Amino acid sequence: MPFYELFALAKPGLGKQQLAQILRAVGQQVMEHGGVVTDIRSYGERRLAYDIRQPGARYSEAAMWQVNFAAKPTTLQELDHTLRVDERMLRWMVLKRRPYGPLPTPYQVARAAEHVAAPLARQQQQQQQQQAAAEATR
């Protein structure tokens, strides 16, 4: 399955619950077609570089968000339809991402974690020794 990135602009002033509904609909659409959502990011409301005009409205700000997912290419048509029908959406774009490299094995992850955790463990041990020495001199 190819990896995709959906970048979208929703109307400004939507509450968190309404944005969550949109994101939930996108996620369900992806999962119903056997896909997997890998990341969701919200960028909040931002000022746009140019106004977006819709019949009877003009938007200079929008709520921006991004969803990364892996899905079959046929999912994109359904996703596009879902977003097109939703009146809260202003614009969206789906980009195909390069596939990730091979995932690390659990052993490689554990080794990397040891390298990160070892200096912290040494630092904590030194602090405990210093505290013990300070208490012993009292």
C-alpha atoms as a PDB file:
ATOM      1  CA  MET A   1       0.000   0.000   0.000  1.00  0.00           C
ATOM      2  CA  PRO A   2       1.345   3.424  -0.853  1.00  0.00           C
ATOM      3  CA  PHE A   3       1.753   6.143   1.764  1.00  0.00           C
ATOM      4  CA  TYR A   4      -0.218   9.353   1.396  1.00  0.00           C
ATOM      5  CA  GLU A   5      -0.341  12.722   3.086  1.00  0.00           C
ATOM      6  CA  LEU A   6      -3.640  14.626   3.230  1.00  0.00           C
ATOM      7  CA  PHE A   7      -3.243  18.344   3.887  1.00  0.00           C
ATOM      8  CA  ALA A   8      -6.529  20.169   4.445  1.00  0.00           C
ATOM      9  CA  LEU A   9      -8.037  23.564   5.215  1.00  0.00           C
ATOM     10  CA  ALA A  10     -11.331  23.773   7.086  1.00  0.00           C
ATOM     11  CA  LYS A  11     -13.475  26.828   7.718  1.00  0.00           C
ATOM     12  CA  PRO A  12     -12.234  28.981  10.613  1.00  0.00           C
ATOM     13  CA  GLY A  13     -14.098  29.063  13.906  1.00  0.00           C
ATOM     14  CA  LEU A  14     -14.917  25.368  14.010  1.00  0.00           C
ATOM     15  CA  GLY A  15     -14.778  23.900  17.479  1.00  0.00           C
ATOM     16  CA  LYS A  16     -12.509  21.045  18.465  1.00  0.00           C
ATOM     17  CA  GLN A  17     -15.441  18.639  18.318  1.00  0.00           C
ATOM     18  CA  GLN A  18     -16.276  19.548  14.730  1.00  0.00           C
ATOM     19  CA  LEU A  19     -12.637  19.182  13.649  1.00  0.00           C
ATOM     20  CA  ALA A  20     -12.511  15.860  15.482  1.00  0.00           C
ATOM     21  CA  GLN A  21     -15.610  14.736  13.540  1.00  0.00           C
ATOM     22  CA  ILE A  22     -13.920  15.551  10.244  1.00  0.00           C
ATOM     23  CA  LEU A  23     -10.721  13.750  11.268  1.00  0.00           C
ATOM     24  CA  ARG A  24     -12.719  10.774  12.518  1.00  0.00           C
ATOM     25  CA  ALA A  25     -14.578  10.566   9.185  1.00  0.00           C
ATOM     26  CA  VAL A  26     -11.270  10.639   7.285  1.00  0.00           C
ATOM     27  CA  GLY A  27      -9.753   7.980   9.562  1.00  0.00           C
ATOM     28  CA  GLN A  28     -12.798   5.730   9.267  1.00  0.00           C
ATOM     29  CA  GLN A  29     -12.784   6.084   5.491  1.00  0.00           C
ATOM     30  CA  VAL A  30      -9.137   5.016   5.360  1.00  0.00           C
ATOM     31  CA  MET A  31      -9.617   2.080   7.755  1.00  0.00           C
ATOM     32  CA  GLU A  32     -12.809   0.841   6.043  1.00  0.00           C
ATOM     33  CA  HIS A  33     -10.742   0.326   2.901  1.00  0.00           C
ATOM     34  CA  GLY A  34      -8.009  -1.597   4.736  1.00  0.00           C
ATOM     35  CA  GLY A  35      -5.678   1.366   5.258  1.00  0.00           C
ATOM     36  CA  VAL A  36      -3.780   2.572   8.307  1.00  0.00           C
ATOM     37  CA  VAL A  37      -3.568   6.119   9.696  1.00  0.00           C
ATOM     38  CA  THR A  38       0.043   6.766  10.727  1.00  0.00           C
ATOM     39  CA  ASP A  39      -0.051  10.386  11.917  1.00  0.00           C
ATOM     40  CA  ILE A  40      -2.458  13.255  12.564  1.00  0.00           C
ATOM     41  CA  ARG A  41      -1.277  16.837  13.006  1.00  0.00           C
ATOM     42  CA  SER A  42      -3.242  20.003  13.652  1.00  0.00           C
ATOM     43  CA  TYR A  43      -1.650  23.351  12.855  1.00  0.00           C
ATOM     44  CA  GLY A  44      -4.473  25.430  14.346  1.00  0.00           C
ATOM     45  CA  GLU A  45      -6.031  28.403  12.638  1.00  0.00           C
ATOM     46  CA  ARG A  46      -3.662  30.268  10.344  1.00  0.00           C
ATOM     47  CA  ARG A  47      -3.850  33.323   8.159  1.00  0.00           C
ATOM     48  CA  LEU A  48      -3.883  32.345   4.484  1.00  0.00           C
ATOM     49  CA  ALA A  49      -1.540  33.755   1.840  1.00  0.00           C
ATOM     50  CA  TYR A  50      -4.598  34.619  -0.256  1.00  0.00           C
ATOM     51  CA  ASP A  51      -8.329  34.616   0.390  1.00  0.00           C
ATOM     52  CA  ILE A  52     -10.395  31.580  -0.494  1.00  0.00           C
ATOM     53  CA  ARG A  53     -13.703  32.521  -2.067  1.00  0.00           C
ATOM     54  CA  GLN A  54     -16.801  30.401  -1.929  1.00  0.00           C
ATOM     55  CA  PRO A  55     -20.309  31.425  -2.972  1.00  0.00           C
ATOM     56  CA  GLY A  56     -21.352  34.127  -0.525  1.00  0.00           C
ATOM     57  CA  ALA A  57     -18.199  33.916   1.605  1.00  0.00           C
ATOM     58  CA  ARG A  58     -14.562  34.889   1.671  1.00  0.00           C
ATOM     59  CA  TYR A  59     -12.027  33.288   4.015  1.00  0.00           C
ATOM     60  CA  SER A  60      -8.683  34.816   4.974  1.00  0.00           C
ATOM     61  CA  GLU A  61      -8.040  32.261   7.747  1.00  0.00           C
ATOM     62  CA  ALA A  62      -8.490  28.507   7.958  1.00  0.00           C
ATOM     63  CA  ALA A  63      -8.015  25.609  10.349  1.00  0.00           C
ATOM     64  CA  MET A  64      -5.108  23.562   8.965  1.00  0.00           C
ATOM     65  CA  TRP A  65      -4.492  19.878   9.573  1.00  0.00           C
ATOM     66  CA  GLN A  66      -2.673  16.929   8.100  1.00  0.00           C
ATOM     67  CA  VAL A  67      -3.285  13.177   8.113  1.00  0.00           C
ATOM     68  CA  ASN A  68      -0.652  10.674   6.996  1.00  0.00           C
ATOM     69  CA  PHE A  69      -1.898   7.239   6.020  1.00  0.00           C
ATOM     70  CA  ALA A  70      -1.225   4.096   4.017  1.00  0.00           C
ATOM     71  CA  ALA A  71      -4.099   2.950   1.820  1.00  0.00           C
ATOM     72  CA  LYS A  72      -5.062   1.463  -1.508  1.00  0.00           C
ATOM     73  CA  PRO A  73      -5.243   4.006  -4.336  1.00  0.00           C
ATOM     74  CA  THR A  74      -8.992   3.378  -4.703  1.00  0.00           C
ATOM     75  CA  THR A  75      -9.476   4.848  -1.219  1.00  0.00           C
ATOM     76  CA  LEU A  76      -8.553   8.298  -2.526  1.00  0.00           C
ATOM     77  CA  GLN A  77     -11.747   8.617  -4.582  1.00  0.00           C
ATOM     78  CA  GLU A  78     -13.922   7.821  -1.574  1.00  0.00           C
ATOM     79  CA  LEU A  79     -11.910  10.192   0.602  1.00  0.00           C
ATOM     80  CA  ASP A  80     -12.238  12.965  -1.956  1.00  0.00           C
ATOM     81  CA  HIS A  81     -16.005  12.439  -2.074  1.00  0.00           C
ATOM     82  CA  THR A  82     -16.252  12.543   1.746  1.00  0.00           C
ATOM     83  CA  LEU A  83     -14.380  15.846   1.905  1.00  0.00           C
ATOM     84  CA  ARG A  84     -16.229  17.345  -1.087  1.00  0.00           C
ATOM     85  CA  VAL A  85     -19.624  16.695   0.546  1.00  0.00           C
ATOM     86  CA  ASP A  86     -18.562  18.226   3.891  1.00  0.00           C
ATOM     87  CA  GLU A  87     -19.488  21.928   3.875  1.00  0.00           C
ATOM     88  CA  ARG A  88     -16.922  22.686   6.593  1.00  0.00           C
ATOM     89  CA  MET A  89     -14.032  21.992   4.224  1.00  0.00           C
ATOM     90  CA  LEU A  90     -12.388  24.723   2.130  1.00  0.00           C
ATOM     91  CA  ARG A  91      -9.513  22.961   0.337  1.00  0.00           C
ATOM     92  CA  TRP A  92      -7.546  19.707   0.531  1.00  0.00           C
ATOM     93  CA  MET A  93      -4.740  17.985  -1.285  1.00  0.00           C
ATOM     94  CA  VAL A  94      -3.531  14.392  -1.167  1.00  0.00           C
ATOM     95  CA  LEU A  95       0.155  13.830  -1.852  1.00  0.00           C
ATOM     96  CA  LYS A  96       1.827  10.490  -2.428  1.00  0.00           C
ATOM     97  CA  ARG A  97       4.773  10.026  -0.077  1.00  0.00           C
ATOM     98  CA  ARG A  98       7.909   8.061  -0.630  1.00  0.00           C
ATOM     99  CA  PRO A  99       7.800   4.732   1.166  1.00  0.00           C
ATOM    100  CA  TYR A 100       9.587   4.486   4.448  1.00  0.00           C
ATOM    101  CA  GLY A 101      12.717   2.379   4.604  1.00  0.00           C
ATOM    102  CA  PRO A 102      12.656  -0.988   6.325  1.00  0.00           C
ATOM    103  CA  LEU A 103      11.439  -0.757   9.904  1.00  0.00           C
ATOM    104  CA  PRO A 104      14.008  -1.434  12.639  1.00  0.00           C
ATOM    105  CA  THR A 105      13.907  -4.732  14.478  1.00  0.00           C
ATOM    106  CA  PRO A 106      12.995  -4.771  18.183  1.00  0.00           C
ATOM    107  CA  TYR A 107      16.663  -5.488  18.934  1.00  0.00           C
ATOM    108  CA  GLN A 108      17.766  -2.348  17.046  1.00  0.00           C
ATOM    109  CA  VAL A 109      15.177  -0.255  18.891  1.00  0.00           C
ATOM    110  CA  ALA A 110      16.350  -1.622  22.250  1.00  0.00           C
ATOM    111  CA  ARG A 111      20.004  -0.881  21.423  1.00  0.00           C
ATOM    112  CA  ALA A 112      19.146   2.683  20.408  1.00  0.00           C
ATOM    113  CA  ALA A 113      17.156   3.154  23.627  1.00  0.00           C
ATOM    114  CA  GLU A 114      20.132   1.937  25.675  1.00  0.00           C
ATOM    115  CA  HIS A 115      22.390   4.533  24.063  1.00  0.00           C
ATOM    116  CA  VAL A 116      19.912   7.282  24.893  1.00  0.00           C
ATOM    117  CA  ALA A 117      19.133   6.055  28.410  1.00  0.00           C
ATOM    118  CA  ALA A 118      22.689   5.239  29.544  1.00  0.00           C
ATOM    119  CA  PRO A 119      23.898   8.852  30.039  1.00  0.00           C
ATOM    120  CA  LEU A 120      20.678   9.712  31.866  1.00  0.00           C
ATOM    121  CA  ALA A 121      21.058   6.717  34.162  1.00  0.00           C
ATOM    122  CA  ARG A 122      24.675   7.691  34.923  1.00  0.00           C
ATOM    123  CA  GLN A 123      23.630  11.253  35.680  1.00  0.00           C
ATOM    124  CA  GLN A 124      20.864  10.090  38.040  1.00  0.00           C
ATOM    125  CA  GLN A 125      23.279   7.719  39.769  1.00  0.00           C
ATOM    126  CA  GLN A 126      25.803  10.535  40.302  1.00  0.00           C
ATOM    127  CA  GLN A 127      23.111  12.788  41.736  1.00  0.00           C
ATOM    128  CA  GLN A 128      22.010  10.058  44.143  1.00  0.00           C
ATOM    129  CA  GLN A 129      25.619   9.512  45.248  1.00  0.00           C
ATOM    130  CA  GLN A 130      26.081  13.248  45.813  1.00  0.00           C
ATOM    131  CA  GLN A 131      22.877  13.419  47.846  1.00  0.00           C
ATOM    132  CA  ALA A 132      23.931  10.395  49.907  1.00  0.00           C
ATOM    133  CA  ALA A 133      27.360  11.956  50.546  1.00  0.00           C
ATOM    134  CA  ALA A 134      25.755  15.271  51.554  1.00  0.00           C
ATOM    135  CA  GLU A 135      23.403  13.505  53.984  1.00  0.00           C
ATOM    136  CA  ALA A 136      26.272  11.471  55.456  1.00  0.00           C
ATOM    137  CA  THR A 137      28.251  14.623  56.306  1.00  0.00           C
ATOM    138  CA  ARG A 138      25.317  16.139  58.248  1.00  0.00           C
END
